[in-house]
Amino acid sequence: QDRTVFEIEGKVFSPLRKKVVWMRAVGERVRSYYVRNKFWHFIQKSSLVYHVGGEKMGQMKDKFFGNCEFVGNYGYSAQGNIFKGVKVYKDGELLGVFSREYNSALLLALDTYVLDVYNNNYASFLVALVIAYDNIWDDKKDIF
């Protein structure tokens, strides 16, 4: 049975928390997106998503109290609360929903997410958005 697996590659000491999303399908490993934090943060923390070709796909922004928003190019957008569900769209079509999952007493130590994919053609992009949000969350944890 063929299945798609995603691998996230990052460096331990990376000030911008750059990560690469690899997709492995039918034995082939293909780099699809990379994610990094924005260098200068004034009020909101944010993370940038790029396609492997270098095109900026958009910016994930933290909106306080678990709310976030993805302002994207090419018709992509996302908005919602990370605890209730962030809905991801392309030109009005719902591609997927992701949220944080808390199932342990170690709330700050675990990064567990649930991702429901409604259109498999965009699965690697949806994984990149989850990583973009996680980068913001990790950056926020470093302040405490």
Protein backbone atom coordinates (compact mmCIF):
# COMPACT_ATOMS: atom_id res chain seq x y z
CA GLN A 1 0.00 0.00 0.00
CA ASP A 2 1.38 3.40 -0.99
CA ARG A 3 1.26 6.11 1.62
CA THR A 4 2.71 9.56 1.99
CA VAL A 5 5.02 10.35 4.90
CA PHE A 6 6.22 13.81 5.87
CA GLU A 7 9.59 14.47 7.45
CA ILE A 8 10.56 17.74 9.10
CA GLU A 9 14.23 18.66 9.07
CA GLY A 10 15.68 21.46 11.17
CA LYS A 11 18.85 22.43 13.00
CA VAL A 12 19.11 22.47 16.77
CA PHE A 13 20.70 25.94 16.89
CA SER A 14 18.84 27.97 14.32
CA PRO A 15 17.92 31.55 15.35
CA LEU A 16 15.17 31.72 12.70
CA ARG A 17 14.01 28.15 13.40
CA LYS A 18 14.26 27.23 9.72
CA LYS A 19 12.69 23.87 8.93
CA VAL A 20 12.28 21.95 5.69
CA VAL A 21 9.17 19.85 4.97
CA TRP A 22 10.03 16.71 2.99
CA MET A 23 7.38 14.53 1.41
CA ARG A 24 8.12 10.84 0.84
CA ALA A 25 5.72 9.08 -1.49
CA VAL A 26 6.27 5.86 -3.44
CA GLY A 27 9.88 5.67 -2.24
CA GLU A 28 10.86 9.14 -3.45
CA ARG A 29 11.84 11.96 -1.07
CA VAL A 30 10.87 15.42 -2.33
CA ARG A 31 11.47 18.75 -0.57
CA SER A 32 8.24 20.72 -0.77
CA TYR A 33 8.27 23.74 1.58
CA TYR A 34 10.47 25.47 4.07
CA VAL A 35 9.42 27.52 7.05
CA ARG A 36 11.33 30.10 9.07
CA ASN A 37 10.51 32.73 11.64
CA LYS A 38 10.48 36.37 10.69
CA PHE A 39 13.65 38.03 11.96
CA TRP A 40 12.13 41.25 13.31
CA HIS A 41 9.05 40.99 15.53
CA PHE A 42 7.47 44.19 16.71
CA ILE A 43 4.21 43.20 18.40
CA GLN A 44 3.15 39.94 16.80
CA LYS A 45 5.33 36.91 16.34
CA SER A 46 5.16 35.46 12.85
CA SER A 47 6.58 32.75 10.64
CA LEU A 48 7.09 32.70 6.87
CA VAL A 49 6.29 29.81 4.52
CA TYR A 50 8.17 29.40 1.22
CA HIS A 51 7.72 26.94 -1.64
CA VAL A 52 10.84 24.97 -2.50
CA GLY A 53 11.37 27.22 -5.54
CA GLY A 54 11.78 30.24 -3.23
CA GLU A 55 8.31 31.73 -3.74
CA LYS A 56 6.88 33.22 -0.55
CA MET A 57 3.58 31.48 0.10
CA GLY A 58 2.62 33.72 3.00
CA GLN A 59 3.00 34.62 6.64
CA MET A 60 1.52 32.95 9.73
CA LYS A 61 0.76 35.55 12.42
CA ASP A 62 0.03 35.12 16.10
CA LYS A 63 -3.05 37.14 17.07
CA PHE A 64 -3.01 36.59 20.89
CA PHE A 65 -5.03 34.17 23.07
CA GLY A 66 -4.50 31.27 20.66
CA ASN A 67 -5.84 33.08 17.60
CA CYS A 68 -3.74 33.02 14.47
CA GLU A 69 -4.02 34.03 10.84
CA PHE A 70 -2.20 33.04 7.66
CA VAL A 71 -2.03 35.83 5.12
CA GLY A 72 -1.09 34.03 1.94
CA ASN A 73 -0.38 34.52 -1.71
CA TYR A 74 -2.03 32.54 -4.51
CA GLY A 75 -5.44 32.51 -2.80
CA TYR A 76 -4.30 30.80 0.42
CA SER A 77 -5.64 31.93 3.79
CA ALA A 78 -6.19 30.55 7.27
CA GLN A 79 -7.78 31.84 10.41
CA GLY A 80 -8.98 30.50 13.71
CA ASN A 81 -8.11 29.57 17.24
CA ILE A 82 -5.40 26.97 17.71
CA PHE A 83 -7.36 25.35 20.56
CA LYS A 84 -10.64 25.12 18.59
CA GLY A 85 -9.33 24.75 15.04
CA VAL A 86 -7.59 26.81 12.37
CA LYS A 87 -9.32 26.47 9.00
CA VAL A 88 -7.15 26.65 5.88
CA TYR A 89 -8.61 27.77 2.54
CA LYS A 90 -7.52 28.21 -1.06
CA ASP A 91 -9.83 30.38 -3.14
CA GLY A 92 -12.69 29.63 -0.74
CA GLU A 93 -12.22 25.83 -0.74
CA LEU A 94 -11.61 24.34 2.71
CA LEU A 95 -8.33 22.39 2.49
CA GLY A 96 -7.99 21.32 6.09
CA VAL A 97 -8.18 22.15 9.78
CA PHE A 98 -5.48 21.93 12.43
CA SER A 99 -5.45 22.41 16.19
CA ARG A 100 -3.28 21.83 19.25
CA GLU A 101 -4.02 18.74 21.25
CA TYR A 102 -3.54 18.72 25.01
CA ASN A 103 -3.53 15.23 26.44
CA SER A 104 -0.85 15.49 29.09
CA ALA A 105 0.00 17.35 32.26
CA LEU A 106 3.18 18.63 30.56
CA LEU A 107 1.34 21.27 28.52
CA LEU A 108 4.31 23.48 27.70
CA ALA A 109 6.68 20.63 26.90
CA LEU A 110 4.63 18.78 24.29
CA ASP A 111 3.91 19.95 20.78
CA THR A 112 1.05 17.76 19.63
CA TYR A 113 -1.24 18.79 16.80
CA VAL A 114 -4.21 17.29 14.99
CA LEU A 115 -4.41 17.90 11.24
CA ASP A 116 -7.46 16.96 9.19
CA VAL A 117 -6.72 17.08 5.47
CA TYR A 118 -9.73 17.47 3.15
CA ASN A 119 -7.78 17.74 -0.11
CA ASN A 120 -4.70 15.48 -0.35
CA ASN A 121 -3.17 17.62 -3.11
CA TYR A 122 -2.40 20.24 -0.43
CA ALA A 123 -1.24 17.95 2.38
CA SER A 124 2.40 19.11 2.35
CA PHE A 125 1.28 22.76 2.42
CA LEU A 126 -0.96 22.03 5.41
CA VAL A 127 1.94 20.35 7.22
CA ALA A 128 4.06 23.46 6.50
CA LEU A 129 1.38 25.66 8.11
CA VAL A 130 1.34 23.51 11.24
CA ILE A 131 5.14 23.82 11.42
CA ALA A 132 4.83 27.60 10.92
CA TYR A 133 2.48 27.84 13.89
CA ASP A 134 4.71 25.55 15.96
CA ASN A 135 7.69 27.80 15.23
CA ILE A 136 5.75 30.75 16.64
CA TRP A 137 4.73 28.72 19.71
CA ASP A 138 8.34 27.63 20.31
CA ASP A 139 9.53 31.22 19.96
CA LYS A 140 6.93 32.34 22.52
CA LYS A 141 7.99 29.62 24.97
CA ASP A 142 11.58 30.92 24.87
CA ILE A 143 10.46 34.21 26.43
CA PHE A 144 9.25 32.56 29.63
